[in-house]
Amino acid sequence: MNNMIQEAKEKFGKLVEEQLKRVEMMKSQGDFINYKELDQIIIGIVGGDGIGPAITAQAQRILEFLLKDEVEKGKVRFKVIDGLTIENRAKVNKAIPDDVLEELKECHVILKGPTTTPRAGDPWPNIESANVAMRKELDLFANVRPVRVPEQGIDWTFFRENTEGAYVLGSKGFHINEDIAFDFKVMTTQGIERIARAAFDYARANGKKRVTIVTKANVVKTTDGKFLNICKEVAKDYPEIEVDDWYIDIMTAKLVDEKRRTQFQVIVLPNLYGDILTDEAAEFQGGVGTAGSANIGKRYAMFEAIHGSAPRMVEEGRAKYADPSSIIRAASMLLSHIGYVEESQKLDKAMDICTRTEKKLVITGRDTGATNEEFADYVMETIKSL
């Protein structure tokens, strides 16, 4: 028994050492980038795989339409990055080829189409997900997902911590013996503070009046308690914003409470709870494939479609009929993030009209419906009429 305990101590000690190094790295980081102070904002456009290039090109057209004056003034520049294909990644056997990573680091924000992650039986090497690699390489610690259903009064934005909590050591738990297994939950002052500030900064920049903190701090007192306490400390710097907190179990119920759910606006929460709650929330607007998603860090931010690359559509010659809604929603998030809130709101309103109320065009994924180019034209014509 003493040997088992000693071995467990050694394994745990190594994990603590790794996390202490991560904390020092976070301490050395500066503040969030201030886009208003930049001479030029570089927007990277990454098509990815499968239908990615087809739908991302349409989102780029809409961004260029909305930012036409800023591009002409030189305040905004678009940079197309073509190298994040599965063929290119497989050739060098890396999730992100070195030259592509260098191009990504030249950008401030990135609009990214879906990328293929090889599975067993695929004709590709078993390389890491490009998304996971990008989060690590660019330290994209905040996963941000909006859910909007205007006719139900739902307008939520979730800030899910991306790098800590129950997932950070998810592959590094261990069995003590055949009877006992341990996994670990990690919370750091620096990790919590930066996700909290990201949520409150977003609320302030977008005119939101409430931020809701979600934990299970009444039971998981040390880590969740730390998350709750630090979020409340950060909240003191934003006196104009109302703050409340809920436990994850009752919060899942309140999202389906028709009277209560309309009161929520910005929600900040640890990784596991965010994983659960954002999937539940997405069902209100049609499922997890209907929204854009963002991964935000202090220096970089990446905005993406949250569906797959649909290689079969490409094989069948149907890429031009792929629905660009998710990547267009992501483009709206990008606009808001870099300070173009009015343009973002116009795009959101146009998308609501085009996909919910007016629906002059329908995307079916086949030649029975509109092409993604026709849909993008429809969105831009709608924006002009607002």
Protein backbone atom coordinates (compact mmCIF):
# COMPACT_ATOMS: atom_id res chain seq x y z
CA MET A 1 0.00 0.00 0.00
CA ASN A 2 2.84 2.39 0.80
CA ASN A 3 4.28 1.84 -2.68
CA MET A 4 0.93 2.70 -4.29
CA ILE A 5 0.65 5.87 -2.26
CA GLN A 6 4.21 6.91 -3.09
CA GLU A 7 3.67 6.27 -6.80
CA ALA A 8 0.46 8.34 -6.70
CA LYS A 9 2.31 11.18 -4.95
CA GLU A 10 4.97 11.19 -7.66
CA LYS A 11 2.40 11.25 -10.47
CA PHE A 12 0.45 14.01 -8.79
CA GLY A 13 3.64 15.97 -8.15
CA LYS A 14 4.45 15.97 -11.88
CA LEU A 15 0.99 17.27 -12.67
CA VAL A 16 1.40 20.07 -10.14
CA GLU A 17 4.76 21.01 -11.70
CA GLU A 18 3.15 21.22 -15.15
CA GLN A 19 0.38 23.46 -13.88
CA LEU A 20 2.77 25.75 -12.02
CA LYS A 21 4.67 26.27 -15.28
CA ARG A 22 1.39 27.08 -17.03
CA VAL A 23 0.58 29.66 -14.35
CA GLU A 24 3.94 31.37 -14.86
CA MET A 25 3.25 31.50 -18.58
CA MET A 26 -0.11 33.18 -17.96
CA LYS A 27 1.46 35.65 -15.53
CA SER A 28 3.87 36.78 -18.25
CA GLN A 29 1.05 37.65 -20.66
CA GLY A 30 0.00 41.21 -21.28
CA ASP A 31 -3.49 42.67 -21.47
CA PHE A 32 -6.14 41.93 -24.08
CA ILE A 33 -5.39 43.48 -27.43
CA ASN A 34 -7.06 46.84 -28.05
CA TYR A 35 -8.16 46.83 -31.68
CA LYS A 36 -8.92 50.55 -31.66
CA GLU A 37 -5.24 51.25 -31.04
CA LEU A 38 -4.06 49.19 -34.01
CA ASP A 39 -3.06 50.95 -37.21
CA GLN A 40 -4.43 47.98 -39.14
CA ILE A 41 -6.49 44.92 -38.20
CA ILE A 42 -5.51 41.81 -40.15
CA ILE A 43 -8.34 39.32 -40.66
CA GLY A 44 -7.15 35.85 -41.66
CA ILE A 45 -9.49 33.82 -43.86
CA VAL A 46 -8.89 30.07 -43.56
CA GLY A 47 -11.09 27.91 -45.77
CA GLY A 48 -10.13 24.57 -44.26
CA ASP A 49 -11.38 21.32 -45.80
CA GLY A 50 -14.36 19.93 -47.65
CA ILE A 51 -17.12 22.52 -47.97
CA GLY A 52 -15.05 24.95 -45.89
CA PRO A 53 -13.56 27.00 -48.75
CA ALA A 54 -16.96 27.36 -50.45
CA ILE A 55 -18.85 28.66 -47.41
CA THR A 56 -15.97 30.70 -45.98
CA ALA A 57 -15.59 32.57 -49.27
CA GLN A 58 -19.19 33.75 -48.94
CA ALA A 59 -18.68 34.92 -45.36
CA GLN A 60 -15.60 36.79 -46.55
CA ARG A 61 -17.69 38.54 -49.24
CA ILE A 62 -20.14 39.70 -46.58
CA LEU A 63 -17.33 40.93 -44.31
CA GLU A 64 -15.75 42.84 -47.19
CA PHE A 65 -19.16 44.35 -48.00
CA LEU A 66 -19.70 45.52 -44.41
CA LEU A 67 -16.11 46.75 -43.97
CA LYS A 68 -15.67 48.29 -47.42
CA ASP A 69 -14.85 51.76 -46.09
CA GLU A 70 -12.44 50.37 -43.47
CA VAL A 71 -10.59 48.36 -46.12
CA GLU A 72 -10.31 51.40 -48.38
CA LYS A 73 -8.91 53.45 -45.46
CA GLY A 74 -6.37 50.70 -44.71
CA LYS A 75 -7.76 50.06 -41.23
CA VAL A 76 -8.69 46.48 -42.15
CA ARG A 77 -6.84 44.00 -44.36
CA PHE A 78 -7.89 40.48 -45.35
CA LYS A 79 -5.29 37.72 -45.56
CA VAL A 80 -6.32 34.45 -47.23
CA ILE A 81 -4.52 31.37 -45.84
CA ASP A 82 -4.96 28.27 -47.98
CA GLY A 83 -2.63 25.75 -46.35
CA LEU A 84 -4.82 24.26 -43.60
CA THR A 85 -6.17 21.43 -45.78
CA ILE A 86 -6.12 17.80 -44.70
CA GLU A 87 -3.87 16.98 -47.67
CA ASN A 88 -1.29 19.57 -46.63
CA ARG A 89 -1.49 18.63 -42.94
CA ALA A 90 -1.14 14.92 -43.74
CA LYS A 91 1.84 15.59 -46.01
CA VAL A 92 3.84 17.12 -43.15
CA ASN A 93 2.15 14.94 -40.49
CA LYS A 94 1.21 17.95 -38.35
CA ALA A 95 -2.09 19.35 -37.14
CA ILE A 96 -0.94 22.78 -38.38
CA PRO A 97 1.99 22.99 -40.82
CA ASP A 98 4.76 25.32 -39.61
CA ASP A 99 4.38 27.78 -42.48
CA VAL A 100 0.61 27.97 -41.93
CA LEU A 101 1.10 28.58 -38.22
CA GLU A 102 3.43 31.48 -39.00
CA GLU A 103 0.79 32.97 -41.33
CA LEU A 104 -1.87 32.58 -38.65
CA LYS A 105 0.32 34.42 -36.14
CA GLU A 106 0.54 37.38 -38.53
CA CYS A 107 -3.23 37.90 -38.14
CA HIS A 108 -5.18 39.46 -35.29
CA VAL A 109 -8.41 37.53 -35.85
CA ILE A 110 -9.15 34.46 -37.95
CA LEU A 111 -12.32 33.30 -39.69
CA LYS A 112 -11.98 29.54 -40.08
CA GLY A 113 -13.96 27.01 -42.05
CA PRO A 114 -14.31 23.38 -40.90
CA THR A 115 -11.25 21.12 -40.94
CA THR A 116 -11.11 17.34 -41.11
CA THR A 117 -9.86 15.40 -38.08
CA PRO A 118 -8.85 11.87 -39.19
CA ARG A 119 -10.67 8.93 -37.64
CA ALA A 120 -9.89 5.22 -37.62
CA GLY A 121 -10.19 3.87 -41.15
CA ASP A 122 -9.56 7.21 -42.84
CA PRO A 123 -6.74 7.37 -45.43
CA TRP A 124 -4.90 9.98 -43.35
CA PRO A 125 -2.35 9.75 -40.53
CA ASN A 126 -3.70 10.09 -36.98
CA ILE A 127 -2.88 13.79 -36.58
CA GLU A 128 -4.33 16.03 -33.88
CA SER A 129 -7.38 18.18 -34.51
CA ALA A 130 -6.42 21.48 -36.13
CA ASN A 131 -8.87 23.22 -33.78
CA VAL A 132 -7.26 21.76 -30.67
CA ALA A 133 -3.79 22.62 -31.97
CA MET A 134 -4.83 26.18 -32.78
CA ARG A 135 -6.25 26.70 -29.28
CA LYS A 136 -2.98 25.54 -27.79
CA GLU A 137 -0.65 27.41 -30.13
CA LEU A 138 -2.58 30.70 -29.95
CA ASP A 139 -3.72 30.26 -26.31
CA LEU A 140 -7.39 30.65 -27.14
CA PHE A 141 -8.81 30.20 -23.67
CA ALA A 142 -12.39 31.44 -24.09
CA ASN A 143 -14.92 29.48 -26.11
CA VAL A 144 -17.74 31.88 -26.94
CA ARG A 145 -21.06 30.74 -28.34
CA PRO A 146 -24.13 32.92 -28.90
CA VAL A 147 -27.68 31.57 -29.00
CA ARG A 148 -30.39 33.86 -30.39
CA VAL A 149 -34.09 33.09 -30.85
CA PRO A 150 -35.68 36.58 -31.06
CA GLU A 151 -39.26 35.35 -31.21
CA GLN A 152 -38.75 33.64 -27.83
CA GLY A 153 -36.85 36.54 -26.27
CA ILE A 154 -33.63 34.49 -26.14
CA ASP A 155 -30.34 36.34 -26.61
CA TRP A 156 -27.57 34.49 -24.76
CA THR A 157 -23.79 34.57 -25.10
CA PHE A 158 -21.84 31.85 -23.29
CA PHE A 159 -18.21 32.31 -22.21
CA ARG A 160 -16.90 28.81 -21.55
CA GLU A 161 -13.38 28.53 -20.15
CA ASN A 162 -11.38 26.49 -22.65
CA THR A 163 -8.13 25.48 -20.91
CA GLU A 164 -8.85 24.54 -17.28
CA GLY A 165 -11.46 22.83 -15.15
CA ALA A 166 -12.31 19.15 -15.46
CA TYR A 167 -10.89 18.81 -18.99
CA VAL A 168 -7.38 20.20 -18.66
CA LEU A 169 -6.03 16.94 -17.21
CA GLY A 170 -8.67 14.73 -18.76
CA SER A 171 -6.13 12.33 -20.23
CA LYS A 172 -3.79 12.41 -17.22
CA GLY A 173 -5.86 10.86 -14.47
CA PHE A 174 -4.68 7.51 -13.14
CA HIS A 175 -5.74 4.31 -11.40
CA ILE A 176 -4.35 3.78 -7.92
CA ASN A 177 -5.35 0.13 -8.07
CA GLU A 178 -8.27 -1.84 -9.49
CA ASP A 179 -10.61 -0.21 -6.97
CA ILE A 180 -9.70 3.50 -7.13
CA ALA A 181 -9.30 5.94 -10.05
CA PHE A 182 -8.57 9.66 -9.90
CA ASP A 183 -9.19 12.50 -12.32
CA PHE A 184 -8.40 16.12 -11.51
CA LYS A 185 -10.04 19.51 -11.78
CA VAL A 186 -7.74 22.52 -12.01
CA MET A 187 -8.59 26.19 -11.50
CA THR A 188 -6.06 29.01 -11.46
CA THR A 189 -6.39 32.64 -10.47
CA GLN A 190 -5.02 33.74 -13.83
CA GLY A 191 -7.22 31.40 -15.86
CA ILE A 192 -10.41 32.44 -14.08
CA GLU A 193 -9.62 36.15 -14.16
CA ARG A 194 -9.03 36.24 -17.89
CA ILE A 195 -12.25 34.37 -18.79
CA ALA A 196 -14.19 36.61 -16.41
CA ARG A 197 -12.75 39.78 -17.94
CA ALA A 198 -13.48 38.50 -21.43
CA ALA A 199 -17.13 38.02 -20.46
CA PHE A 200 -17.50 41.38 -18.72
CA ASP A 201 -15.63 43.24 -21.48
CA TYR A 202 -17.98 41.69 -24.03
CA ALA A 203 -21.00 42.71 -21.96
CA ARG A 204 -19.76 46.29 -21.68
CA ALA A 205 -18.87 46.58 -25.37
CA ASN A 206 -22.21 45.16 -26.51
CA GLY A 207 -24.54 46.97 -24.14
CA LYS A 208 -25.44 43.92 -22.07
CA LYS A 209 -26.70 44.60 -18.56
CA ARG A 210 -26.28 41.23 -16.84
CA VAL A 211 -23.55 38.61 -16.44
CA THR A 212 -24.46 35.26 -14.89
CA ILE A 213 -21.82 33.06 -13.22
CA VAL A 214 -22.51 29.28 -13.27
CA THR A 215 -20.75 26.85 -10.91
CA LYS A 216 -21.43 24.10 -8.38
CA ALA A 217 -19.64 26.03 -5.64
CA ASN A 218 -21.98 24.83 -2.92
CA VAL A 219 -20.57 21.30 -3.30
CA VAL A 220 -17.27 21.65 -5.21
CA LYS A 221 -16.12 24.26 -2.76
CA THR A 222 -12.42 24.66 -3.57
CA THR A 223 -12.23 24.93 -7.36
CA ASP A 224 -15.75 26.08 -8.17
CA GLY A 225 -15.66 28.30 -5.11
CA LYS A 226 -12.51 29.93 -6.45
CA PHE A 227 -14.14 30.44 -9.86
CA LEU A 228 -17.19 32.11 -8.30
CA ASN A 229 -15.20 34.33 -5.94
CA ILE A 230 -12.77 35.61 -8.58
CA CYS A 231 -15.58 36.30 -11.05
CA LYS A 232 -17.31 38.37 -8.37
CA GLU A 233 -14.09 40.28 -7.70
CA VAL A 234 -13.68 41.05 -11.41
CA ALA A 235 -17.32 42.19 -11.50
CA LYS A 236 -16.46 45.08 -9.16
CA ASP A 237 -14.62 46.74 -12.06
CA TYR A 238 -17.87 46.80 -14.06
CA PRO A 239 -20.34 48.52 -11.71
CA GLU A 240 -22.87 49.22 -14.47
CA ILE A 241 -23.38 45.47 -15.04
CA GLU A 242 -25.67 43.39 -12.84
CA VAL A 243 -24.21 40.09 -11.63
CA ASP A 244 -25.97 36.95 -10.46
CA ASP A 245 -24.84 33.35 -9.95
CA TRP A 246 -26.53 30.00 -10.37
CA TYR A 247 -25.60 26.37 -9.77
CA ILE A 248 -25.27 24.26 -12.90
CA ASP A 249 -28.11 21.86 -12.05
CA ILE A 250 -30.77 24.53 -11.56
CA MET A 251 -29.35 26.58 -14.45
CA THR A 252 -30.10 23.74 -16.88
CA ALA A 253 -33.69 23.91 -15.67
CA LYS A 254 -33.96 27.69 -15.86
CA LEU A 255 -32.96 27.70 -19.54
CA VAL A 256 -36.26 25.96 -20.26
CA ASP A 257 -38.21 28.21 -17.88
CA GLU A 258 -40.06 30.55 -20.24
CA LYS A 259 -40.35 33.33 -17.66
CA ARG A 260 -36.78 33.19 -16.34
CA ARG A 261 -34.72 32.38 -19.43
CA THR A 262 -35.29 35.74 -21.13
CA GLN A 263 -33.45 37.45 -18.26
CA PHE A 264 -30.10 35.80 -19.03
CA GLN A 265 -27.67 37.63 -21.32
CA VAL A 266 -23.98 36.78 -20.81
CA ILE A 267 -23.09 33.55 -19.02
CA VAL A 268 -19.56 32.70 -17.81
CA LEU A 269 -18.72 29.21 -16.62
CA PRO A 270 -16.02 26.51 -16.34
CA ASN A 271 -15.25 24.07 -19.12
CA LEU A 272 -17.43 21.04 -18.26
CA TYR A 273 -20.51 23.05 -17.34
CA GLY A 274 -20.07 25.13 -20.48
CA ASP A 275 -19.91 22.01 -22.60
CA ILE A 276 -23.23 20.82 -21.17
CA LEU A 277 -25.09 24.11 -21.13
CA THR A 278 -24.14 25.34 -24.61
CA ASP A 279 -25.38 22.12 -26.22
CA GLU A 280 -28.67 22.42 -24.35
CA ALA A 281 -28.96 26.08 -25.31
CA ALA A 282 -28.24 25.44 -29.00
CA GLU A 283 -31.31 23.21 -29.24
CA PHE A 284 -33.52 26.28 -28.87
CA GLN A 285 -32.34 27.61 -32.22
CA GLY A 286 -32.25 24.32 -34.08
CA GLY A 287 -29.22 22.39 -32.81
CA VAL A 288 -25.47 22.66 -32.49
CA GLY A 289 -24.97 23.24 -36.23
CA THR A 290 -26.92 26.48 -36.33
CA ALA A 291 -24.53 28.86 -34.57
CA GLY A 292 -21.09 30.28 -35.00
CA SER A 293 -18.44 29.85 -32.35
CA ALA A 294 -15.40 31.80 -31.19
CA ASN A 295 -12.16 30.89 -29.46
CA ILE A 296 -10.62 33.98 -27.91
CA GLY A 297 -7.26 34.73 -26.35
CA LYS A 298 -5.49 37.90 -25.29
CA ARG A 299 -3.53 38.25 -28.52
CA TYR A 300 -5.49 36.16 -31.03
CA ALA A 301 -9.08 35.15 -31.69
CA MET A 302 -10.54 32.53 -34.02
CA PHE A 303 -14.14 32.40 -35.26
CA GLU A 304 -15.51 29.28 -36.89
CA ALA A 305 -18.39 27.22 -38.15
CA ILE A 306 -19.19 24.50 -35.64
CA HIS A 307 -20.20 21.78 -38.10
CA GLY A 308 -18.04 19.33 -39.99
CA SER A 309 -16.31 19.55 -43.36
CA ALA A 310 -18.86 17.32 -45.20
CA PRO A 311 -16.40 15.75 -47.69
CA ARG A 312 -19.22 13.76 -49.30
CA MET A 313 -20.83 16.99 -50.51
CA VAL A 314 -17.58 17.87 -52.26
CA GLU A 315 -17.29 14.37 -53.78
CA GLU A 316 -20.83 14.70 -55.13
CA GLY A 317 -20.21 18.19 -56.52
CA ARG A 318 -22.57 19.87 -54.04
CA ALA A 319 -20.15 22.20 -52.19
CA LYS A 320 -21.79 25.26 -53.75
CA TYR A 321 -25.09 24.25 -52.14
CA ALA A 322 -23.65 23.94 -48.61
CA ASP A 323 -25.34 26.14 -45.99
CA PRO A 324 -23.06 29.07 -45.02
CA SER A 325 -25.22 30.18 -42.06
CA SER A 326 -22.89 28.97 -39.31
CA ILE A 327 -19.77 30.62 -40.74
CA ILE A 328 -21.73 33.84 -41.43
CA ARG A 329 -22.85 33.87 -37.79
CA ALA A 330 -19.20 33.42 -36.84
CA ALA A 331 -18.32 36.39 -39.06
CA SER A 332 -20.82 38.49 -37.11
CA MET A 333 -19.08 37.51 -33.87
CA LEU A 334 -15.75 38.52 -35.41
CA LEU A 335 -17.13 41.96 -36.28
CA SER A 336 -18.37 42.51 -32.76
CA HIS A 337 -15.09 41.33 -31.25
CA ILE A 338 -12.97 43.85 -33.18
CA GLY A 339 -15.30 46.71 -32.36
CA TYR A 340 -17.70 46.87 -35.31
CA VAL A 341 -20.78 46.30 -33.17
CA GLU A 342 -23.23 48.13 -35.45
CA GLU A 343 -22.15 46.09 -38.46
CA SER A 344 -22.44 42.90 -36.40
CA GLN A 345 -25.96 43.79 -35.31
CA LYS A 346 -26.99 44.51 -38.89
CA LEU A 347 -25.66 41.14 -40.00
CA ASP A 348 -27.45 39.34 -37.16
CA LYS A 349 -30.71 41.08 -38.02
CA ALA A 350 -30.32 40.23 -41.70
CA MET A 351 -29.63 36.59 -40.86
CA ASP A 352 -32.74 36.43 -38.70
CA ILE A 353 -34.79 37.79 -41.61
CA CYS A 354 -33.19 35.48 -44.18
CA THR A 355 -33.40 32.31 -42.11
CA ARG A 356 -36.47 32.80 -39.92
CA THR A 357 -39.02 35.41 -40.93
CA GLU A 358 -38.80 36.19 -44.65
CA LYS A 359 -36.91 33.14 -46.02
CA LYS A 360 -37.07 34.07 -49.71
CA LEU A 361 -34.33 31.52 -50.36
CA VAL A 362 -33.97 28.05 -48.88
CA ILE A 363 -30.73 26.09 -48.58
CA THR A 364 -31.28 22.35 -49.06
CA GLY A 365 -27.73 21.19 -49.68
CA ARG A 366 -28.72 20.19 -53.21
CA ASP A 367 -29.76 21.80 -56.49
CA THR A 368 -33.32 21.91 -55.15
CA GLY A 369 -32.25 24.94 -53.11
CA ALA A 370 -30.16 28.07 -53.37
CA THR A 371 -26.38 28.13 -53.69
CA ASN A 372 -24.33 29.64 -50.88
CA GLU A 373 -23.37 32.47 -53.24
CA GLU A 374 -27.04 33.25 -53.86
CA PHE A 375 -27.70 33.13 -50.13
CA ALA A 376 -24.82 35.55 -49.43
CA ASP A 377 -26.23 37.90 -52.06
CA TYR A 378 -29.62 37.67 -50.32
CA VAL A 379 -28.04 38.54 -46.97
CA MET A 380 -26.23 41.56 -48.40
CA GLU A 381 -29.37 42.82 -50.17
CA THR A 382 -31.22 42.48 -46.87
CA ILE A 383 -28.54 44.48 -45.05
CA LYS A 384 -28.92 47.27 -47.62
CA SER A 385 -32.63 47.47 -46.86
CA LEU A 386 -32.20 47.83 -43.09
